[in-house]
Amino acid sequence: MIGNARSDSVIYDLPPQRTGKRGRPALHGKKLSIQNDFTLSDEKIGDYYMAVRRVLTNVFGKRTVLAYVTSADKAAGGRRLFFSTVFPEQLQIFCAWQEKSPLNQTLT
């Protein structure tokens, strides 16, 4: 699922590695800002500059999602935030086709 989100939605960095010390481990990293913590691409993709990173959010329950930030102007443009629950490494695309239509084949 991919969805547009409010630009002021709370997003967190992934939790830091466990330190091995006593106590409860951190549930999430630092709070992120779409203005300061996302580096936009050098070239436009379509009509937009884009940045992406894995983040934690409570929008879909406490889970890791991909946060995409887009902007029409790299220097001073407004930024939009999108969340994706689909990770590229999890995508599997299957394609099937037939050389001939089954109606044209005769059975023997």
N, C-alpha and C. Protein backbone atom coordinates (compact mmCIF):
# COMPACT_ATOMS: atom_id res chain seq x y z
N MET A 1 0.84 -1.18 0.00
CA MET A 1 0.00 0.00 0.00
C MET A 1 0.89 1.24 0.00
N ILE A 2 0.55 2.19 -0.83
CA ILE A 2 1.26 3.46 -0.87
C ILE A 2 0.22 4.55 -0.63
N GLY A 3 0.54 5.48 0.24
CA GLY A 3 -0.42 6.53 0.55
C GLY A 3 0.24 7.85 0.86
N ASN A 4 -0.45 8.92 0.50
CA ASN A 4 0.01 10.26 0.83
C ASN A 4 -0.25 10.51 2.31
N ALA A 5 0.68 11.17 2.98
CA ALA A 5 0.54 11.43 4.41
C ALA A 5 0.73 12.91 4.67
N ARG A 6 0.27 13.35 5.82
CA ARG A 6 0.49 14.74 6.21
C ARG A 6 1.99 14.97 6.36
N SER A 7 2.45 16.11 5.92
CA SER A 7 3.89 16.39 5.99
C SER A 7 4.38 16.54 7.42
N ASP A 8 3.49 16.74 8.38
CA ASP A 8 3.91 16.85 9.77
C ASP A 8 3.70 15.54 10.54
N SER A 9 3.51 14.44 9.81
CA SER A 9 3.37 13.13 10.46
C SER A 9 4.66 12.80 11.21
N VAL A 10 4.51 12.18 12.35
CA VAL A 10 5.68 11.82 13.16
C VAL A 10 6.31 10.57 12.59
N ILE A 11 7.60 10.68 12.25
CA ILE A 11 8.35 9.54 11.76
C ILE A 11 9.66 9.46 12.54
N TYR A 12 10.11 8.24 12.76
CA TYR A 12 11.33 8.01 13.54
C TYR A 12 12.33 7.22 12.72
N ASP A 13 13.60 7.42 13.03
CA ASP A 13 14.66 6.61 12.47
C ASP A 13 14.54 5.21 13.05
N LEU A 14 15.18 4.24 12.42
CA LEU A 14 15.15 2.88 12.93
C LEU A 14 15.86 2.81 14.27
N PRO A 15 15.50 1.85 15.13
CA PRO A 15 16.13 1.79 16.45
C PRO A 15 17.62 1.49 16.35
N PRO A 16 18.40 2.04 17.25
CA PRO A 16 19.84 1.76 17.24
C PRO A 16 20.11 0.32 17.66
N GLN A 17 21.31 -0.16 17.35
CA GLN A 17 21.70 -1.51 17.76
C GLN A 17 21.70 -1.61 19.27
N ARG A 18 21.42 -2.78 19.78
CA ARG A 18 21.44 -3.00 21.23
C ARG A 18 22.85 -2.79 21.75
N THR A 19 22.94 -2.17 22.90
CA THR A 19 24.25 -1.84 23.47
C THR A 19 24.80 -2.94 24.35
N GLY A 20 23.97 -3.87 24.77
CA GLY A 20 24.41 -4.92 25.67
C GLY A 20 24.35 -4.51 27.13
N LYS A 21 23.96 -3.29 27.39
CA LYS A 21 23.82 -2.82 28.76
C LYS A 21 22.47 -3.22 29.31
N ARG A 22 22.32 -3.12 30.61
CA ARG A 22 21.05 -3.44 31.24
C ARG A 22 20.01 -2.38 30.90
N GLY A 23 18.77 -2.77 31.00
CA GLY A 23 17.68 -1.83 30.75
C GLY A 23 16.97 -2.13 29.45
N ARG A 24 15.86 -1.46 29.29
CA ARG A 24 15.04 -1.66 28.11
C ARG A 24 15.72 -1.05 26.88
N PRO A 25 15.77 -1.77 25.77
CA PRO A 25 16.38 -1.20 24.56
C PRO A 25 15.47 -0.14 23.95
N ALA A 26 16.05 0.74 23.16
CA ALA A 26 15.29 1.81 22.51
C ALA A 26 14.28 1.20 21.53
N LEU A 27 13.07 1.75 21.53
CA LEU A 27 12.03 1.28 20.62
C LEU A 27 12.15 1.91 19.24
N HIS A 28 12.71 3.10 19.17
CA HIS A 28 12.89 3.79 17.89
C HIS A 28 14.06 4.75 18.00
N GLY A 29 14.50 5.24 16.86
CA GLY A 29 15.59 6.20 16.82
C GLY A 29 15.07 7.61 17.00
N LYS A 30 15.86 8.58 16.52
CA LYS A 30 15.48 9.98 16.69
C LYS A 30 14.30 10.35 15.78
N LYS A 31 13.59 11.38 16.17
CA LYS A 31 12.47 11.90 15.39
C LYS A 31 13.04 12.56 14.13
N LEU A 32 12.43 12.27 12.97
CA LEU A 32 12.93 12.78 11.70
C LEU A 32 12.05 13.90 11.16
N SER A 33 12.65 14.78 10.38
CA SER A 33 11.95 15.87 9.72
C SER A 33 12.11 15.70 8.21
N ILE A 34 11.03 15.89 7.44
CA ILE A 34 11.15 15.74 5.99
C ILE A 34 11.95 16.89 5.37
N GLN A 35 12.09 17.99 6.09
CA GLN A 35 12.89 19.12 5.59
C GLN A 35 14.38 18.90 5.77
N ASN A 36 14.80 18.33 6.90
CA ASN A 36 16.22 18.27 7.23
C ASN A 36 16.85 16.89 7.12
N ASP A 37 16.08 15.84 7.23
CA ASP A 37 16.65 14.49 7.32
C ASP A 37 16.51 13.66 6.04
N PHE A 38 16.00 14.23 4.98
CA PHE A 38 15.89 13.54 3.70
C PHE A 38 16.67 14.32 2.65
N THR A 39 17.62 13.66 1.99
CA THR A 39 18.42 14.29 0.95
C THR A 39 17.79 13.97 -0.40
N LEU A 40 17.34 15.00 -1.11
CA LEU A 40 16.68 14.81 -2.40
C LEU A 40 17.69 14.39 -3.46
N SER A 41 17.21 13.66 -4.47
CA SER A 41 18.06 13.21 -5.57
C SER A 41 18.63 14.41 -6.33
N ASP A 42 19.75 14.20 -7.01
CA ASP A 42 20.38 15.28 -7.77
C ASP A 42 19.63 15.58 -9.06
N GLU A 43 18.98 14.57 -9.61
CA GLU A 43 18.23 14.75 -10.86
C GLU A 43 16.75 14.50 -10.61
N LYS A 44 15.94 15.15 -11.42
CA LYS A 44 14.49 14.95 -11.32
C LYS A 44 14.11 13.57 -11.84
N ILE A 45 13.18 12.95 -11.16
CA ILE A 45 12.59 11.70 -11.61
C ILE A 45 11.17 12.06 -12.01
N GLY A 46 10.94 12.13 -13.30
CA GLY A 46 9.67 12.68 -13.78
C GLY A 46 9.71 14.18 -13.57
N ASP A 47 8.77 14.71 -12.81
CA ASP A 47 8.73 16.14 -12.52
C ASP A 47 9.21 16.48 -11.12
N TYR A 48 9.73 15.50 -10.38
CA TYR A 48 10.05 15.72 -8.97
C TYR A 48 11.44 15.23 -8.59
N TYR A 49 12.00 15.89 -7.59
CA TYR A 49 13.16 15.37 -6.90
C TYR A 49 12.62 14.44 -5.82
N MET A 50 13.36 13.37 -5.51
CA MET A 50 12.80 12.40 -4.58
C MET A 50 13.88 11.90 -3.61
N ALA A 51 13.44 11.57 -2.40
CA ALA A 51 14.29 10.93 -1.40
C ALA A 51 13.50 9.80 -0.76
N VAL A 52 14.20 8.77 -0.32
CA VAL A 52 13.52 7.63 0.30
C VAL A 52 14.41 7.06 1.41
N ARG A 53 13.77 6.58 2.47
CA ARG A 53 14.48 5.88 3.54
C ARG A 53 13.49 5.08 4.37
N ARG A 54 14.00 4.06 5.04
CA ARG A 54 13.19 3.25 5.94
C ARG A 54 12.98 4.02 7.23
N VAL A 55 11.75 4.03 7.71
CA VAL A 55 11.42 4.74 8.94
C VAL A 55 10.43 3.91 9.76
N LEU A 56 10.24 4.32 10.99
CA LEU A 56 9.20 3.76 11.84
C LEU A 56 8.09 4.78 11.97
N THR A 57 6.86 4.31 11.93
CA THR A 57 5.71 5.20 12.10
C THR A 57 4.58 4.43 12.76
N ASN A 58 3.66 5.15 13.32
CA ASN A 58 2.49 4.53 13.95
C ASN A 58 1.26 4.59 13.07
N VAL A 59 1.41 5.07 11.84
CA VAL A 59 0.26 5.23 10.95
C VAL A 59 -0.36 3.87 10.62
N PHE A 60 0.46 2.85 10.37
CA PHE A 60 -0.03 1.51 10.04
C PHE A 60 0.18 0.56 11.21
N GLY A 61 0.15 1.04 12.41
CA GLY A 61 0.59 0.26 13.56
C GLY A 61 2.09 0.46 13.67
N LYS A 62 2.68 0.04 14.73
CA LYS A 62 4.13 0.24 14.88
C LYS A 62 4.86 -0.69 13.93
N ARG A 63 5.29 -0.14 12.80
CA ARG A 63 5.98 -0.96 11.81
C ARG A 63 6.93 -0.13 10.98
N THR A 64 7.85 -0.84 10.33
CA THR A 64 8.81 -0.20 9.43
C THR A 64 8.15 -0.02 8.07
N VAL A 65 8.27 1.18 7.50
CA VAL A 65 7.74 1.47 6.17
C VAL A 65 8.80 2.27 5.41
N LEU A 66 8.59 2.43 4.13
CA LEU A 66 9.44 3.32 3.35
C LEU A 66 8.77 4.68 3.30
N ALA A 67 9.53 5.73 3.58
CA ALA A 67 9.02 7.10 3.49
C ALA A 67 9.63 7.73 2.24
N TYR A 68 8.78 8.18 1.35
CA TYR A 68 9.21 8.89 0.14
C TYR A 68 8.88 10.36 0.32
N VAL A 69 9.84 11.23 0.03
CA VAL A 69 9.63 12.66 0.08
C VAL A 69 9.87 13.20 -1.32
N THR A 70 8.93 13.99 -1.83
CA THR A 70 9.07 14.56 -3.17
C THR A 70 8.98 16.08 -3.10
N SER A 71 9.61 16.72 -4.08
CA SER A 71 9.56 18.17 -4.19
C SER A 71 9.77 18.57 -5.64
N ALA A 72 8.99 19.53 -6.11
CA ALA A 72 9.14 20.01 -7.49
C ALA A 72 10.36 20.92 -7.62
N ASP A 73 10.73 21.61 -6.55
CA ASP A 73 11.88 22.50 -6.56
C ASP A 73 12.82 22.07 -5.44
N LYS A 74 14.05 21.73 -5.79
CA LYS A 74 14.98 21.18 -4.82
C LYS A 74 15.35 22.18 -3.73
N ALA A 75 15.49 23.44 -4.08
CA ALA A 75 15.98 24.44 -3.12
C ALA A 75 14.90 24.93 -2.17
N ALA A 76 13.77 25.37 -2.70
CA ALA A 76 12.80 26.05 -1.84
C ALA A 76 11.38 25.53 -1.96
N GLY A 77 11.19 24.43 -2.65
CA GLY A 77 9.83 23.95 -2.86
C GLY A 77 9.25 23.25 -1.65
N GLY A 78 7.94 23.18 -1.62
CA GLY A 78 7.28 22.42 -0.57
C GLY A 78 7.51 20.94 -0.77
N ARG A 79 7.49 20.19 0.29
CA ARG A 79 7.75 18.76 0.20
C ARG A 79 6.50 17.98 0.57
N ARG A 80 6.32 16.84 -0.10
CA ARG A 80 5.19 15.95 0.18
C ARG A 80 5.73 14.63 0.68
N LEU A 81 4.98 13.99 1.56
CA LEU A 81 5.39 12.75 2.20
C LEU A 81 4.45 11.62 1.79
N PHE A 82 5.04 10.49 1.42
CA PHE A 82 4.29 9.29 1.06
C PHE A 82 4.86 8.11 1.85
N PHE A 83 4.00 7.22 2.29
CA PHE A 83 4.43 6.00 2.96
C PHE A 83 4.13 4.81 2.06
N SER A 84 5.03 3.85 2.06
CA SER A 84 4.84 2.62 1.30
C SER A 84 5.09 1.43 2.21
N THR A 85 4.16 0.49 2.22
CA THR A 85 4.36 -0.74 2.98
C THR A 85 4.97 -1.83 2.11
N VAL A 86 5.24 -1.51 0.84
CA VAL A 86 5.84 -2.45 -0.09
C VAL A 86 7.32 -2.11 -0.23
N PHE A 87 8.17 -3.11 0.00
CA PHE A 87 9.61 -2.93 -0.14
C PHE A 87 10.06 -3.54 -1.46
N PRO A 88 10.92 -2.84 -2.22
CA PRO A 88 11.33 -3.34 -3.54
C PRO A 88 11.91 -4.75 -3.52
N GLU A 89 12.64 -5.12 -2.46
CA GLU A 89 13.23 -6.45 -2.42
C GLU A 89 12.18 -7.53 -2.17
N GLN A 90 10.98 -7.15 -1.78
CA GLN A 90 9.91 -8.12 -1.55
C GLN A 90 9.02 -8.31 -2.77
N LEU A 91 9.19 -7.47 -3.78
CA LEU A 91 8.33 -7.56 -4.96
C LEU A 91 8.67 -8.78 -5.79
N GLN A 92 7.67 -9.48 -6.19
CA GLN A 92 7.82 -10.58 -7.11
C GLN A 92 6.79 -10.38 -8.19
N ILE A 93 7.26 -10.20 -9.40
CA ILE A 93 6.35 -9.97 -10.52
C ILE A 93 6.36 -11.22 -11.40
N PHE A 94 5.19 -11.75 -11.63
CA PHE A 94 5.07 -12.94 -12.44
C PHE A 94 4.36 -12.56 -13.74
N CYS A 95 4.83 -13.11 -14.82
CA CYS A 95 4.23 -12.83 -16.11
C CYS A 95 4.02 -14.16 -16.83
N ALA A 96 2.83 -14.38 -17.34
CA ALA A 96 2.54 -15.61 -18.07
C ALA A 96 1.89 -15.24 -19.39
N TRP A 97 2.23 -15.96 -20.43
CA TRP A 97 1.62 -15.70 -21.72
C TRP A 97 1.55 -17.01 -22.49
N GLN A 98 0.73 -16.99 -23.56
CA GLN A 98 0.59 -18.14 -24.43
C GLN A 98 0.96 -17.71 -25.83
N GLU A 99 1.57 -18.64 -26.56
CA GLU A 99 1.92 -18.36 -27.95
C GLU A 99 0.66 -18.31 -28.83
N LYS A 100 -0.26 -19.26 -28.59
CA LYS A 100 -1.48 -19.34 -29.39
C LYS A 100 -2.68 -19.34 -28.47
N SER A 101 -3.77 -18.86 -28.97
CA SER A 101 -5.01 -18.89 -28.22
C SER A 101 -5.47 -20.33 -28.06
N PRO A 102 -5.97 -20.71 -26.89
CA PRO A 102 -6.44 -22.09 -26.70
C PRO A 102 -7.62 -22.46 -27.62
N LEU A 103 -8.35 -21.50 -28.12
CA LEU A 103 -9.49 -21.79 -28.99
C LEU A 103 -9.03 -22.27 -30.35
N ASN A 104 -7.85 -21.87 -30.80
CA ASN A 104 -7.36 -22.25 -32.11
C ASN A 104 -6.67 -23.61 -32.10
N GLN A 105 -6.45 -24.20 -30.94
CA GLN A 105 -5.79 -25.48 -30.86
C GLN A 105 -6.81 -26.60 -30.95
N THR A 106 -6.44 -27.68 -31.61
CA THR A 106 -7.35 -28.83 -31.72
C THR A 106 -6.89 -29.91 -30.76
N LEU A 107 -7.86 -30.60 -30.19
CA LEU A 107 -7.56 -31.70 -29.29
C LEU A 107 -7.53 -33.00 -30.08
N THR A 108 -6.59 -33.87 -29.74
CA THR A 108 -6.53 -35.17 -30.44
C THR A 108 -6.72 -36.30 -29.47
